């Protein structure tokens, strides 16, 4: 089954929602269902994409996995930097 809405359209709706438009405004203006908008938002927040995972190429899926791993490592590095900073301050 082909998707009714293009990736570009979905990204635009997500962008409008993130810039402050309410779900109600978007559903009224674009004739979308509330569940459709919230599903796209959830999908974007979870995967960073409005494309369903099975629609991504193998290369795109690998990039998403690497981006997620990088983000997790950056979070860990931030925690380590805070701990080290605290330890250095305590020794001074």
N, C-alpha and C. Protein backbone atom coordinates (compact mmCIF):
# COMPACT_ATOMS: atom_id res chain seq x y z
N UNK A 1 0.84 -1.18 0.00
CA UNK A 1 0.00 0.00 0.00
C UNK A 1 0.89 1.24 0.00
N UNK A 2 0.67 2.14 -0.93
CA UNK A 2 1.46 3.35 -0.96
C UNK A 2 0.94 4.36 0.06
N UNK A 3 1.85 5.18 0.52
CA UNK A 3 1.48 6.17 1.52
C UNK A 3 0.73 7.31 0.86
N UNK A 4 -0.28 7.79 1.54
CA UNK A 4 -1.13 8.86 1.01
C UNK A 4 -0.40 10.20 0.98
N UNK A 5 0.51 10.41 1.92
CA UNK A 5 1.20 11.69 2.04
C UNK A 5 2.69 11.52 1.76
N UNK A 6 3.26 12.53 1.10
CA UNK A 6 4.69 12.47 0.79
C UNK A 6 5.52 12.74 2.03
N UNK A 7 6.77 12.31 1.96
CA UNK A 7 7.71 12.55 3.05
C UNK A 7 7.87 14.05 3.28
N UNK A 8 7.94 14.81 2.20
CA UNK A 8 8.10 16.26 2.29
C UNK A 8 6.92 16.90 3.04
N UNK A 9 5.70 16.46 2.72
CA UNK A 9 4.51 16.99 3.39
C UNK A 9 4.54 16.65 4.88
N UNK A 10 4.89 15.43 5.21
CA UNK A 10 4.96 15.01 6.61
C UNK A 10 5.99 15.85 7.37
N UNK A 11 7.16 16.05 6.74
CA UNK A 11 8.19 16.87 7.38
C UNK A 11 7.70 18.29 7.62
N UNK A 12 6.95 18.83 6.68
CA UNK A 12 6.41 20.19 6.82
C UNK A 12 5.44 20.27 7.99
N UNK A 13 4.58 19.26 8.13
CA UNK A 13 3.63 19.24 9.24
C UNK A 13 4.38 19.15 10.57
N UNK A 14 5.39 18.29 10.64
CA UNK A 14 6.19 18.15 11.86
C UNK A 14 6.88 19.47 12.18
N UNK A 15 7.43 20.11 11.17
CA UNK A 15 8.10 21.39 11.35
C UNK A 15 7.14 22.46 11.87
N UNK A 16 5.95 22.51 11.29
CA UNK A 16 4.95 23.49 11.74
C UNK A 16 4.55 23.23 13.19
N UNK A 17 4.41 21.96 13.54
CA UNK A 17 4.04 21.61 14.91
C UNK A 17 5.15 22.01 15.88
N UNK A 18 6.39 21.74 15.50
CA UNK A 18 7.52 22.08 16.36
C UNK A 18 7.70 23.60 16.47
N UNK A 19 7.24 24.34 15.47
CA UNK A 19 7.37 25.80 15.53
C UNK A 19 6.21 26.45 16.29
N UNK A 20 5.28 25.64 16.80
CA UNK A 20 4.26 26.20 17.67
C UNK A 20 2.81 26.03 17.25
N UNK A 21 2.58 25.58 16.03
CA UNK A 21 1.18 25.36 15.62
C UNK A 21 0.61 24.19 16.41
N UNK A 22 -0.62 24.34 16.83
CA UNK A 22 -1.25 23.26 17.60
C UNK A 22 -1.70 22.13 16.66
N UNK A 23 -1.88 20.96 17.24
CA UNK A 23 -2.39 19.83 16.47
C UNK A 23 -3.76 20.19 15.89
N UNK A 24 -4.57 20.85 16.69
CA UNK A 24 -5.91 21.25 16.25
C UNK A 24 -5.84 22.17 15.03
N UNK A 25 -4.93 23.14 15.06
CA UNK A 25 -4.77 24.05 13.91
C UNK A 25 -4.34 23.28 12.66
N UNK A 26 -3.39 22.37 12.83
CA UNK A 26 -2.89 21.60 11.69
C UNK A 26 -3.98 20.70 11.11
N UNK A 27 -4.75 20.05 11.98
CA UNK A 27 -5.79 19.16 11.48
C UNK A 27 -6.85 19.93 10.71
N UNK A 28 -7.18 21.10 11.22
CA UNK A 28 -8.19 21.93 10.55
C UNK A 28 -7.68 22.50 9.23
N UNK A 29 -6.47 23.04 9.26
CA UNK A 29 -5.90 23.69 8.08
C UNK A 29 -5.58 22.72 6.94
N UNK A 30 -5.12 21.51 7.30
CA UNK A 30 -4.68 20.56 6.28
C UNK A 30 -5.60 19.36 6.10
N UNK A 31 -6.69 19.33 6.85
CA UNK A 31 -7.65 18.23 6.71
C UNK A 31 -7.09 16.89 7.16
N UNK A 32 -6.26 16.93 8.18
CA UNK A 32 -5.64 15.71 8.70
C UNK A 32 -6.35 15.26 9.97
N UNK A 33 -6.22 14.00 10.29
CA UNK A 33 -6.73 13.50 11.55
C UNK A 33 -5.74 13.77 12.67
N UNK A 34 -6.26 13.95 13.88
CA UNK A 34 -5.41 14.20 15.04
C UNK A 34 -4.40 13.06 15.22
N UNK A 35 -4.88 11.83 15.07
CA UNK A 35 -3.99 10.68 15.24
C UNK A 35 -2.87 10.66 14.21
N UNK A 36 -3.16 11.14 13.01
CA UNK A 36 -2.15 11.18 11.95
C UNK A 36 -1.02 12.12 12.35
N UNK A 37 -1.37 13.31 12.79
CA UNK A 37 -0.36 14.30 13.18
C UNK A 37 0.45 13.80 14.38
N UNK A 38 -0.24 13.27 15.38
CA UNK A 38 0.48 12.80 16.57
C UNK A 38 1.36 11.60 16.24
N UNK A 39 0.92 10.76 15.31
CA UNK A 39 1.74 9.61 14.89
C UNK A 39 3.01 10.09 14.20
N UNK A 40 2.89 11.08 13.31
CA UNK A 40 4.06 11.61 12.63
C UNK A 40 5.02 12.26 13.62
N UNK A 41 4.48 12.98 14.60
CA UNK A 41 5.32 13.62 15.61
C UNK A 41 6.06 12.56 16.43
N UNK A 42 5.34 11.55 16.86
CA UNK A 42 5.93 10.49 17.65
C UNK A 42 7.01 9.76 16.86
N UNK A 43 6.71 9.48 15.61
CA UNK A 43 7.67 8.79 14.75
C UNK A 43 8.93 9.64 14.58
N UNK A 44 8.74 10.95 14.38
CA UNK A 44 9.89 11.83 14.21
C UNK A 44 10.70 11.91 15.50
N UNK A 45 10.01 12.05 16.63
CA UNK A 45 10.70 12.15 17.92
C UNK A 45 11.47 10.87 18.24
N UNK A 46 10.94 9.74 17.82
CA UNK A 46 11.57 8.45 18.10
C UNK A 46 12.72 8.14 17.16
N UNK A 47 12.51 8.37 15.87
CA UNK A 47 13.48 7.95 14.86
C UNK A 47 14.24 9.09 14.19
N UNK A 48 13.75 10.31 14.35
CA UNK A 48 14.36 11.44 13.65
C UNK A 48 13.95 11.52 12.20
N UNK A 49 12.93 10.77 11.84
CA UNK A 49 12.46 10.74 10.46
C UNK A 49 10.94 10.54 10.44
N UNK A 50 10.32 11.02 9.37
CA UNK A 50 8.89 10.79 9.19
C UNK A 50 8.63 9.56 8.33
N UNK A 51 9.71 8.95 7.85
CA UNK A 51 9.58 7.75 7.04
C UNK A 51 9.54 6.56 7.98
N UNK A 52 8.67 5.62 7.69
CA UNK A 52 8.61 4.41 8.50
C UNK A 52 9.91 3.64 8.32
N UNK A 53 10.35 2.99 9.39
CA UNK A 53 11.64 2.31 9.38
C UNK A 53 11.78 1.35 8.20
N UNK A 54 10.72 0.60 7.90
CA UNK A 54 10.82 -0.38 6.81
C UNK A 54 10.90 0.29 5.44
N UNK A 55 10.63 1.60 5.38
CA UNK A 55 10.73 2.33 4.11
C UNK A 55 12.13 2.89 3.89
N UNK A 56 12.97 2.88 4.93
CA UNK A 56 14.32 3.38 4.81
C UNK A 56 15.21 2.35 4.12
N UNK A 57 16.15 2.83 3.33
CA UNK A 57 17.11 1.92 2.71
C UNK A 57 18.03 1.39 3.80
N UNK A 58 18.75 0.35 3.49
CA UNK A 58 19.69 -0.23 4.45
C UNK A 58 20.71 0.82 4.89
N UNK A 59 21.16 1.63 3.95
CA UNK A 59 22.13 2.68 4.26
C UNK A 59 21.53 3.72 5.20
N UNK A 60 20.28 4.12 4.94
CA UNK A 60 19.62 5.09 5.81
C UNK A 60 19.40 4.53 7.21
N UNK A 61 19.06 3.24 7.30
CA UNK A 61 18.88 2.61 8.60
C UNK A 61 20.20 2.59 9.38
N UNK A 62 21.28 2.30 8.69
CA UNK A 62 22.59 2.28 9.33
C UNK A 62 22.98 3.67 9.82
N UNK A 63 22.71 4.68 9.03
CA UNK A 63 22.99 6.06 9.44
C UNK A 63 22.20 6.41 10.69
N UNK A 64 20.93 6.04 10.74
CA UNK A 64 20.10 6.31 11.92
C UNK A 64 20.68 5.63 13.16
N UNK A 65 21.12 4.37 13.00
CA UNK A 65 21.71 3.64 14.13
C UNK A 65 22.98 4.33 14.61
N UNK A 66 23.80 4.77 13.68
CA UNK A 66 25.04 5.45 14.04
C UNK A 66 24.77 6.79 14.71
N UNK A 67 23.77 7.52 14.22
CA UNK A 67 23.40 8.80 14.84
C UNK A 67 22.92 8.59 16.27
N UNK A 68 22.14 7.55 16.49
CA UNK A 68 21.65 7.25 17.83
C UNK A 68 22.81 6.88 18.75
N UNK A 69 23.73 6.05 18.27
CA UNK A 69 24.88 5.65 19.07
C UNK A 69 25.75 6.87 19.40
N UNK A 70 25.96 7.75 18.43
CA UNK A 70 26.74 8.95 18.66
C UNK A 70 26.09 9.82 19.73
N UNK A 71 24.80 9.97 19.65
CA UNK A 71 24.07 10.77 20.63
C UNK A 71 24.23 10.19 22.03
N UNK A 72 24.13 8.87 22.14
CA UNK A 72 24.30 8.21 23.44
C UNK A 72 25.71 8.42 23.98
N UNK A 73 26.72 8.33 23.12
CA UNK A 73 28.10 8.53 23.54
C UNK A 73 28.34 9.98 23.96
N UNK A 74 27.72 10.92 23.25
CA UNK A 74 27.86 12.33 23.62
C UNK A 74 27.26 12.59 24.99
N UNK A 75 26.13 11.95 25.29
CA UNK A 75 25.51 12.10 26.60
C UNK A 75 26.43 11.56 27.69
N UNK A 76 27.03 10.41 27.45
CA UNK A 76 27.95 9.81 28.42
C UNK A 76 29.17 10.71 28.62
N UNK A 77 29.69 11.26 27.53
CA UNK A 77 30.85 12.14 27.63
C UNK A 77 30.52 13.38 28.46
N UNK A 78 29.35 13.93 28.28
CA UNK A 78 28.92 15.09 29.06
C UNK A 78 28.89 14.76 30.55
N UNK A 79 28.38 13.59 30.89
CA UNK A 79 28.32 13.16 32.28
C UNK A 79 29.74 13.02 32.85
N UNK A 80 30.62 12.40 32.10
CA UNK A 80 32.01 12.22 32.54
C UNK A 80 32.68 13.58 32.75
N UNK A 81 32.44 14.52 31.84
CA UNK A 81 33.04 15.85 31.96
C UNK A 81 32.54 16.55 33.22
N UNK A 82 31.26 16.39 33.54
CA UNK A 82 30.71 17.02 34.75
C UNK A 82 31.32 16.41 36.00
N UNK A 83 31.47 15.08 36.02
CA UNK A 83 32.06 14.40 37.17
C UNK A 83 33.51 14.86 37.35
N UNK A 84 34.26 14.89 36.27
CA UNK A 84 35.66 15.32 36.36
C UNK A 84 35.76 16.77 36.83
N UNK A 85 34.90 17.60 36.35
CA UNK A 85 34.89 19.01 36.77
C UNK A 85 34.62 19.13 38.26
N UNK A 86 33.69 18.35 38.74
CA UNK A 86 33.36 18.35 40.17
C UNK A 86 34.54 17.86 41.00
N UNK A 87 35.20 16.80 40.54
CA UNK A 87 36.35 16.27 41.25
C UNK A 87 37.51 17.27 41.30
N UNK A 88 37.75 17.97 40.21
CA UNK A 88 38.82 18.96 40.15
C UNK A 88 38.50 20.10 41.11
N UNK A 89 37.26 20.53 41.16
CA UNK A 89 36.87 21.63 42.07
C UNK A 89 37.05 21.21 43.53
N UNK A 90 36.74 19.96 43.84
CA UNK A 90 36.87 19.46 45.23
C UNK A 90 38.33 19.39 45.65
N UNK A 91 39.23 19.10 44.73
CA UNK A 91 40.66 19.00 45.05
C UNK A 91 41.30 20.37 45.24
N UNK A 92 40.67 21.38 44.67
CA UNK A 92 41.27 22.74 44.75
C UNK A 92 41.04 23.40 46.07
